[in-house]
Protein backbone atom coordinates (compact mmCIF):
# COMPACT_ATOMS: atom_id res chain seq x y z
CA UNK A 1 0.00 0.00 0.00
CA UNK A 2 1.37 3.44 -0.95
CA UNK A 3 1.96 6.01 1.74
CA UNK A 4 -0.13 9.15 1.33
CA UNK A 5 1.97 12.29 1.89
CA UNK A 6 0.25 15.19 3.64
CA UNK A 7 1.69 18.69 3.93
CA UNK A 8 0.48 20.92 6.75
CA UNK A 9 1.87 24.47 6.49
CA UNK A 10 2.05 25.83 10.04
CA UNK A 11 2.55 29.45 11.06
CA UNK A 12 1.49 29.43 14.74
CA UNK A 13 -1.92 31.11 14.35
CA UNK A 14 -5.28 30.06 15.74
CA UNK A 15 -6.26 29.05 12.19
CA UNK A 16 -3.21 26.79 11.99
CA UNK A 17 -4.30 25.24 15.29
CA UNK A 18 -7.68 24.49 13.70
CA UNK A 19 -5.88 22.78 10.80
CA UNK A 20 -3.84 20.73 13.27
CA UNK A 21 -7.02 19.73 15.15
CA UNK A 22 -8.68 18.77 11.86
CA UNK A 23 -5.68 16.64 10.92
CA UNK A 24 -5.80 14.83 14.26
CA UNK A 25 -9.56 14.21 14.10
CA UNK A 26 -9.48 13.06 10.48
CA UNK A 27 -6.28 11.08 10.12
CA UNK A 28 -5.02 9.92 13.56
CA UNK A 29 -6.30 6.37 13.03
CA UNK A 30 -4.59 5.96 9.64
CA UNK A 31 -1.22 4.21 9.38
CA UNK A 32 -0.79 4.61 5.62
CA UNK A 33 0.20 8.28 5.65
CA UNK A 34 3.06 10.61 6.47
CA UNK A 35 2.51 14.15 7.70
CA UNK A 36 4.97 16.99 7.26
CA UNK A 37 4.56 20.19 9.23
CA UNK A 38 6.14 23.07 7.32
CA UNK A 39 7.31 26.53 8.26
CA UNK A 40 9.59 28.85 6.28
CA UNK A 41 10.95 31.69 8.39
CA UNK A 42 12.60 34.95 7.43
CA UNK A 43 16.30 34.50 8.19
CA UNK A 44 18.24 36.97 10.28
CA UNK A 45 20.56 38.99 8.04
CA UNK A 46 24.28 38.61 8.53
CA UNK A 47 25.79 42.01 9.19
CA UNK A 48 29.41 42.78 9.97
CA UNK A 49 29.47 44.36 13.39
CA UNK A 50 31.90 47.15 14.24
CA UNK A 51 32.20 48.79 17.60
CA UNK A 52 29.69 51.62 17.76
CA UNK A 53 26.56 52.40 19.78
CA UNK A 54 24.33 51.94 16.74
CA UNK A 55 25.81 48.53 15.97
CA UNK A 56 25.39 47.45 19.59
CA UNK A 57 21.71 48.31 19.41
CA UNK A 58 21.45 46.45 16.09
CA UNK A 59 23.20 43.44 17.63
CA UNK A 60 20.53 43.36 20.34
CA UNK A 61 17.74 43.46 17.77
CA UNK A 62 19.35 40.70 15.71
CA UNK A 63 19.73 38.65 18.88
CA UNK A 64 16.02 39.09 19.55
CA UNK A 65 15.17 37.94 16.01
CA UNK A 66 17.41 34.88 16.38
CA UNK A 67 15.66 34.05 19.66
CA UNK A 68 12.25 34.34 17.95
CA UNK A 69 13.38 31.88 15.26
CA UNK A 70 14.43 29.39 17.94
CA UNK A 71 11.04 29.84 19.64
CA UNK A 72 9.27 29.20 16.34
CA UNK A 73 11.17 25.97 15.82
CA UNK A 74 10.26 24.94 19.37
CA UNK A 75 6.62 25.72 18.53
CA UNK A 76 6.82 23.53 15.45
CA UNK A 77 8.25 20.71 17.56
CA UNK A 78 5.33 21.19 19.98
CA UNK A 79 2.87 20.82 17.09
CA UNK A 80 4.71 17.65 16.06
CA UNK A 81 4.45 16.33 19.62
CA UNK A 82 0.74 17.12 19.67
CA UNK A 83 0.26 14.92 16.61
CA UNK A 84 2.30 12.14 18.23
CA UNK A 85 0.33 12.38 21.49
CA UNK A 86 -2.95 12.12 19.61
CA UNK A 87 -2.49 8.87 17.75
CA UNK A 88 0.19 9.33 15.12
CA UNK A 89 3.31 7.18 15.18
CA UNK A 90 6.85 8.53 15.42
CA UNK A 91 7.71 7.61 11.83
CA UNK A 92 4.58 9.27 10.45
CA UNK A 93 5.29 12.84 11.51
CA UNK A 94 8.17 15.13 10.63
CA UNK A 95 8.69 18.81 10.26
CA UNK A 96 10.55 21.09 7.88
CA UNK A 97 11.75 24.39 9.32
CA UNK A 98 13.79 26.32 6.82
CA UNK A 99 14.80 29.86 5.92
CA UNK A 100 12.62 31.19 3.19
CA UNK A 101 14.09 32.35 -0.08
CA UNK A 102 10.80 33.29 -1.75
CA UNK A 103 7.36 34.29 -0.55
CA UNK A 104 5.58 31.72 1.64
CA UNK A 105 3.15 30.62 -1.08
CA UNK A 106 6.00 29.89 -3.50
CA UNK A 107 7.87 27.94 -0.81
CA UNK A 108 4.78 25.79 -0.23
CA UNK A 109 4.14 25.29 -3.95
CA UNK A 110 7.77 24.31 -4.61
CA UNK A 111 7.73 21.83 -1.72
CA UNK A 112 4.49 20.23 -2.93
CA UNK A 113 5.73 19.89 -6.49
CA UNK A 114 9.26 18.72 -5.65
CA UNK A 115 8.35 16.24 -2.90
CA UNK A 116 5.10 15.04 -4.53
CA UNK A 117 2.62 15.61 -1.70
CA UNK A 118 -0.80 14.04 -2.19
CA UNK A 119 -2.75 16.37 0.10
CA UNK A 120 -2.16 19.90 1.36
CA UNK A 121 -4.15 21.10 4.34
CA UNK A 122 -4.38 24.88 4.29
CA UNK A 123 -6.52 27.34 6.16
CA UNK A 124 -7.91 30.70 5.36
CA UNK A 125 -9.09 33.58 7.42
CA UNK A 126 -12.80 34.14 6.85
CA UNK A 127 -14.19 37.53 5.86
CA UNK A 128 -12.40 40.81 5.26
CA UNK A 129 -13.28 42.48 2.00
CA UNK A 130 -9.66 43.56 1.52
CA UNK A 131 -8.80 39.96 0.60
CA UNK A 132 -10.56 40.49 -2.73
CA UNK A 133 -7.89 43.05 -3.62
CA UNK A 134 -4.80 41.38 -2.19
CA UNK A 135 -3.29 38.05 -2.99
CA UNK A 136 -3.19 35.73 0.00
CA UNK A 137 -1.04 32.65 0.54
CA UNK A 138 -4.22 30.59 0.39
CA UNK A 139 -5.22 31.98 -3.03
CA UNK A 140 -1.76 31.54 -4.53
CA UNK A 141 -1.44 27.94 -3.32
CA UNK A 142 -4.92 26.87 -4.39
CA UNK A 143 -4.66 28.40 -7.86
CA UNK A 144 -1.11 27.14 -8.54
CA UNK A 145 -1.63 23.48 -7.62
CA UNK A 146 -3.57 21.89 -10.42
CA UNK A 147 -2.75 18.22 -9.81
CA UNK A 148 -2.90 18.18 -6.01
CA UNK A 149 -5.70 17.81 -3.52
CA UNK A 150 -6.09 20.84 -1.29
CA UNK A 151 -8.14 20.62 1.87
CA UNK A 152 -9.30 23.99 3.16
CA UNK A 153 -9.97 24.45 6.86
CA UNK A 154 -11.74 27.67 7.80
C-alpha atoms as a PDB file:
ATOM      1  CA  UNK A   1       0.000   0.000   0.000  1.00  0.00           C
ATOM      2  CA  UNK A   2       1.374   3.438  -0.953  1.00  0.00           C
ATOM      3  CA  UNK A   3       1.957   6.015   1.741  1.00  0.00           C
ATOM      4  CA  UNK A   4      -0.132   9.152   1.330  1.00  0.00           C
ATOM      5  CA  UNK A   5       1.969  12.287   1.891  1.00  0.00           C
ATOM      6  CA  UNK A   6       0.246  15.195   3.640  1.00  0.00           C
ATOM      7  CA  UNK A   7       1.687  18.691   3.927  1.00  0.00           C
ATOM      8  CA  UNK A   8       0.485  20.925   6.750  1.00  0.00           C
ATOM      9  CA  UNK A   9       1.874  24.474   6.495  1.00  0.00           C
ATOM     10  CA  UNK A  10       2.050  25.834  10.042  1.00  0.00           C
ATOM     11  CA  UNK A  11       2.555  29.454  11.056  1.00  0.00           C
ATOM     12  CA  UNK A  12       1.485  29.431  14.736  1.00  0.00           C
ATOM     13  CA  UNK A  13      -1.918  31.107  14.350  1.00  0.00           C
ATOM     14  CA  UNK A  14      -5.282  30.059  15.742  1.00  0.00           C
ATOM     15  CA  UNK A  15      -6.260  29.047  12.194  1.00  0.00           C
ATOM     16  CA  UNK A  16      -3.212  26.791  11.994  1.00  0.00           C
ATOM     17  CA  UNK A  17      -4.300  25.241  15.286  1.00  0.00           C
ATOM     18  CA  UNK A  18      -7.685  24.485  13.698  1.00  0.00           C
ATOM     19  CA  UNK A  19      -5.885  22.777  10.803  1.00  0.00           C
ATOM     20  CA  UNK A  20      -3.839  20.734  13.273  1.00  0.00           C
ATOM     21  CA  UNK A  21      -7.015  19.730  15.153  1.00  0.00           C
ATOM     22  CA  UNK A  22      -8.684  18.774  11.855  1.00  0.00           C
ATOM     23  CA  UNK A  23      -5.682  16.636  10.915  1.00  0.00           C
ATOM     24  CA  UNK A  24      -5.804  14.834  14.258  1.00  0.00           C
ATOM     25  CA  UNK A  25      -9.562  14.213  14.098  1.00  0.00           C
ATOM     26  CA  UNK A  26      -9.483  13.065  10.482  1.00  0.00           C
ATOM     27  CA  UNK A  27      -6.275  11.083  10.121  1.00  0.00           C
ATOM     28  CA  UNK A  28      -5.021   9.921  13.561  1.00  0.00           C
ATOM     29  CA  UNK A  29      -6.304   6.374  13.030  1.00  0.00           C
ATOM     30  CA  UNK A  30      -4.589   5.961   9.636  1.00  0.00           C
ATOM     31  CA  UNK A  31      -1.223   4.207   9.379  1.00  0.00           C
ATOM     32  CA  UNK A  32      -0.788   4.614   5.618  1.00  0.00           C
ATOM     33  CA  UNK A  33       0.196   8.276   5.654  1.00  0.00           C
ATOM     34  CA  UNK A  34       3.057  10.612   6.470  1.00  0.00           C
ATOM     35  CA  UNK A  35       2.508  14.153   7.699  1.00  0.00           C
ATOM     36  CA  UNK A  36       4.967  16.992   7.258  1.00  0.00           C
ATOM     37  CA  UNK A  37       4.561  20.191   9.234  1.00  0.00           C
ATOM     38  CA  UNK A  38       6.135  23.071   7.320  1.00  0.00           C
ATOM     39  CA  UNK A  39       7.312  26.529   8.255  1.00  0.00           C
ATOM     40  CA  UNK A  40       9.587  28.853   6.282  1.00  0.00           C
ATOM     41  CA  UNK A  41      10.950  31.686   8.388  1.00  0.00           C
ATOM     42  CA  UNK A  42      12.598  34.953   7.432  1.00  0.00           C
ATOM     43  CA  UNK A  43      16.300  34.501   8.189  1.00  0.00           C
ATOM     44  CA  UNK A  44      18.243  36.972  10.284  1.00  0.00           C
ATOM     45  CA  UNK A  45      20.558  38.990   8.043  1.00  0.00           C
ATOM     46  CA  UNK A  46      24.280  38.613   8.528  1.00  0.00           C
ATOM     47  CA  UNK A  47      25.793  42.009   9.193  1.00  0.00           C
ATOM     48  CA  UNK A  48      29.408  42.778   9.968  1.00  0.00           C
ATOM     49  CA  UNK A  49      29.469  44.364  13.393  1.00  0.00           C
ATOM     50  CA  UNK A  50      31.896  47.152  14.241  1.00  0.00           C
ATOM     51  CA  UNK A  51      32.199  48.786  17.603  1.00  0.00           C
ATOM     52  CA  UNK A  52      29.690  51.616  17.756  1.00  0.00           C
ATOM     53  CA  UNK A  53      26.560  52.404  19.783  1.00  0.00           C
ATOM     54  CA  UNK A  54      24.329  51.942  16.742  1.00  0.00           C
ATOM     55  CA  UNK A  55      25.814  48.531  15.974  1.00  0.00           C
ATOM     56  CA  UNK A  56      25.395  47.446  19.592  1.00  0.00           C
ATOM     57  CA  UNK A  57      21.708  48.308  19.406  1.00  0.00           C
ATOM     58  CA  UNK A  58      21.447  46.453  16.093  1.00  0.00           C
ATOM     59  CA  UNK A  59      23.204  43.444  17.634  1.00  0.00           C
ATOM     60  CA  UNK A  60      20.533  43.355  20.343  1.00  0.00           C
ATOM     61  CA  UNK A  61      17.738  43.457  17.770  1.00  0.00           C
ATOM     62  CA  UNK A  62      19.350  40.702  15.712  1.00  0.00           C
ATOM     63  CA  UNK A  63      19.732  38.646  18.881  1.00  0.00           C
ATOM     64  CA  UNK A  64      16.020  39.088  19.547  1.00  0.00           C
ATOM     65  CA  UNK A  65      15.171  37.937  16.012  1.00  0.00           C
ATOM     66  CA  UNK A  66      17.411  34.878  16.382  1.00  0.00           C
ATOM     67  CA  UNK A  67      15.656  34.051  19.661  1.00  0.00           C
ATOM     68  CA  UNK A  68      12.250  34.335  17.950  1.00  0.00           C
ATOM     69  CA  UNK A  69      13.377  31.882  15.260  1.00  0.00           C
ATOM     70  CA  UNK A  70      14.432  29.386  17.938  1.00  0.00           C
ATOM     71  CA  UNK A  71      11.040  29.844  19.638  1.00  0.00           C
ATOM     72  CA  UNK A  72       9.266  29.201  16.340  1.00  0.00           C
ATOM     73  CA  UNK A  73      11.168  25.969  15.822  1.00  0.00           C
ATOM     74  CA  UNK A  74      10.262  24.938  19.367  1.00  0.00           C
ATOM     75  CA  UNK A  75       6.621  25.723  18.526  1.00  0.00           C
ATOM     76  CA  UNK A  76       6.822  23.532  15.447  1.00  0.00           C
ATOM     77  CA  UNK A  77       8.249  20.714  17.564  1.00  0.00           C
ATOM     78  CA  UNK A  78       5.328  21.186  19.981  1.00  0.00           C
ATOM     79  CA  UNK A  79       2.870  20.823  17.094  1.00  0.00           C
ATOM     80  CA  UNK A  80       4.714  17.654  16.063  1.00  0.00           C
ATOM     81  CA  UNK A  81       4.454  16.335  19.625  1.00  0.00           C
ATOM     82  CA  UNK A  82       0.742  17.124  19.674  1.00  0.00           C
ATOM     83  CA  UNK A  83       0.262  14.924  16.613  1.00  0.00           C
ATOM     84  CA  UNK A  84       2.298  12.144  18.234  1.00  0.00           C
ATOM     85  CA  UNK A  85       0.329  12.380  21.493  1.00  0.00           C
ATOM     86  CA  UNK A  86      -2.949  12.124  19.609  1.00  0.00           C
ATOM     87  CA  UNK A  87      -2.494   8.870  17.753  1.00  0.00           C
ATOM     88  CA  UNK A  88       0.189   9.330  15.118  1.00  0.00           C
ATOM     89  CA  UNK A  89       3.306   7.183  15.184  1.00  0.00           C
ATOM     90  CA  UNK A  90       6.854   8.530  15.417  1.00  0.00           C
ATOM     91  CA  UNK A  91       7.708   7.610  11.827  1.00  0.00           C
ATOM     92  CA  UNK A  92       4.578   9.266  10.454  1.00  0.00           C
ATOM     93  CA  UNK A  93       5.288  12.842  11.511  1.00  0.00           C
ATOM     94  CA  UNK A  94       8.168  15.126  10.633  1.00  0.00           C
ATOM     95  CA  UNK A  95       8.693  18.814  10.256  1.00  0.00           C
ATOM     96  CA  UNK A  96      10.550  21.094   7.879  1.00  0.00           C
ATOM     97  CA  UNK A  97      11.753  24.388   9.318  1.00  0.00           C
ATOM     98  CA  UNK A  98      13.792  26.324   6.819  1.00  0.00           C
ATOM     99  CA  UNK A  99      14.802  29.856   5.924  1.00  0.00           C
ATOM    100  CA  UNK A 100      12.624  31.186   3.191  1.00  0.00           C
ATOM    101  CA  UNK A 101      14.091  32.351  -0.076  1.00  0.00           C
ATOM    102  CA  UNK A 102      10.798  33.295  -1.747  1.00  0.00           C
ATOM    103  CA  UNK A 103       7.358  34.290  -0.553  1.00  0.00           C
ATOM    104  CA  UNK A 104       5.583  31.719   1.635  1.00  0.00           C
ATOM    105  CA  UNK A 105       3.151  30.623  -1.081  1.00  0.00           C
ATOM    106  CA  UNK A 106       6.001  29.892  -3.500  1.00  0.00           C
ATOM    107  CA  UNK A 107       7.865  27.944  -0.812  1.00  0.00           C
ATOM    108  CA  UNK A 108       4.775  25.786  -0.235  1.00  0.00           C
ATOM    109  CA  UNK A 109       4.144  25.292  -3.954  1.00  0.00           C
ATOM    110  CA  UNK A 110       7.771  24.310  -4.606  1.00  0.00           C
ATOM    111  CA  UNK A 111       7.725  21.829  -1.724  1.00  0.00           C
ATOM    112  CA  UNK A 112       4.488  20.227  -2.926  1.00  0.00           C
ATOM    113  CA  UNK A 113       5.727  19.894  -6.493  1.00  0.00           C
ATOM    114  CA  UNK A 114       9.262  18.723  -5.651  1.00  0.00           C
ATOM    115  CA  UNK A 115       8.347  16.241  -2.898  1.00  0.00           C
ATOM    116  CA  UNK A 116       5.104  15.044  -4.532  1.00  0.00           C
ATOM    117  CA  UNK A 117       2.624  15.607  -1.703  1.00  0.00           C
ATOM    118  CA  UNK A 118      -0.797  14.040  -2.190  1.00  0.00           C
ATOM    119  CA  UNK A 119      -2.746  16.374   0.096  1.00  0.00           C
ATOM    120  CA  UNK A 120      -2.160  19.895   1.365  1.00  0.00           C
ATOM    121  CA  UNK A 121      -4.146  21.099   4.340  1.00  0.00           C
ATOM    122  CA  UNK A 122      -4.383  24.883   4.295  1.00  0.00           C
ATOM    123  CA  UNK A 123      -6.520  27.337   6.164  1.00  0.00           C
ATOM    124  CA  UNK A 124      -7.910  30.700   5.360  1.00  0.00           C
ATOM    125  CA  UNK A 125      -9.094  33.578   7.420  1.00  0.00           C
ATOM    126  CA  UNK A 126     -12.804  34.141   6.850  1.00  0.00           C
ATOM    127  CA  UNK A 127     -14.194  37.525   5.858  1.00  0.00           C
ATOM    128  CA  UNK A 128     -12.404  40.812   5.255  1.00  0.00           C
ATOM    129  CA  UNK A 129     -13.285  42.478   1.996  1.00  0.00           C
ATOM    130  CA  UNK A 130      -9.660  43.560   1.517  1.00  0.00           C
ATOM    131  CA  UNK A 131      -8.800  39.958   0.596  1.00  0.00           C
ATOM    132  CA  UNK A 132     -10.557  40.489  -2.733  1.00  0.00           C
ATOM    133  CA  UNK A 133      -7.893  43.054  -3.616  1.00  0.00           C
ATOM    134  CA  UNK A 134      -4.796  41.384  -2.186  1.00  0.00           C
ATOM    135  CA  UNK A 135      -3.292  38.047  -2.985  1.00  0.00           C
ATOM    136  CA  UNK A 136      -3.186  35.729   0.002  1.00  0.00           C
ATOM    137  CA  UNK A 137      -1.038  32.652   0.536  1.00  0.00           C
ATOM    138  CA  UNK A 138      -4.224  30.594   0.393  1.00  0.00           C
ATOM    139  CA  UNK A 139      -5.218  31.980  -3.035  1.00  0.00           C
ATOM    140  CA  UNK A 140      -1.761  31.538  -4.526  1.00  0.00           C
ATOM    141  CA  UNK A 141      -1.441  27.945  -3.319  1.00  0.00           C
ATOM    142  CA  UNK A 142      -4.925  26.873  -4.390  1.00  0.00           C
ATOM    143  CA  UNK A 143      -4.657  28.396  -7.860  1.00  0.00           C
ATOM    144  CA  UNK A 144      -1.111  27.137  -8.544  1.00  0.00           C
ATOM    145  CA  UNK A 145      -1.625  23.480  -7.618  1.00  0.00           C
ATOM    146  CA  UNK A 146      -3.569  21.893 -10.417  1.00  0.00           C
ATOM    147  CA  UNK A 147      -2.746  18.218  -9.813  1.00  0.00           C
ATOM    148  CA  UNK A 148      -2.895  18.176  -6.012  1.00  0.00           C
ATOM    149  CA  UNK A 149      -5.699  17.806  -3.521  1.00  0.00           C
ATOM    150  CA  UNK A 150      -6.093  20.845  -1.293  1.00  0.00           C
ATOM    151  CA  UNK A 151      -8.138  20.624   1.871  1.00  0.00           C
ATOM    152  CA  UNK A 152      -9.304  23.989   3.156  1.00  0.00           C
ATOM    153  CA  UNK A 153      -9.968  24.450   6.861  1.00  0.00           C
ATOM    154  CA  UNK A 154     -11.742  27.673   7.802  1.00  0.00           C
END
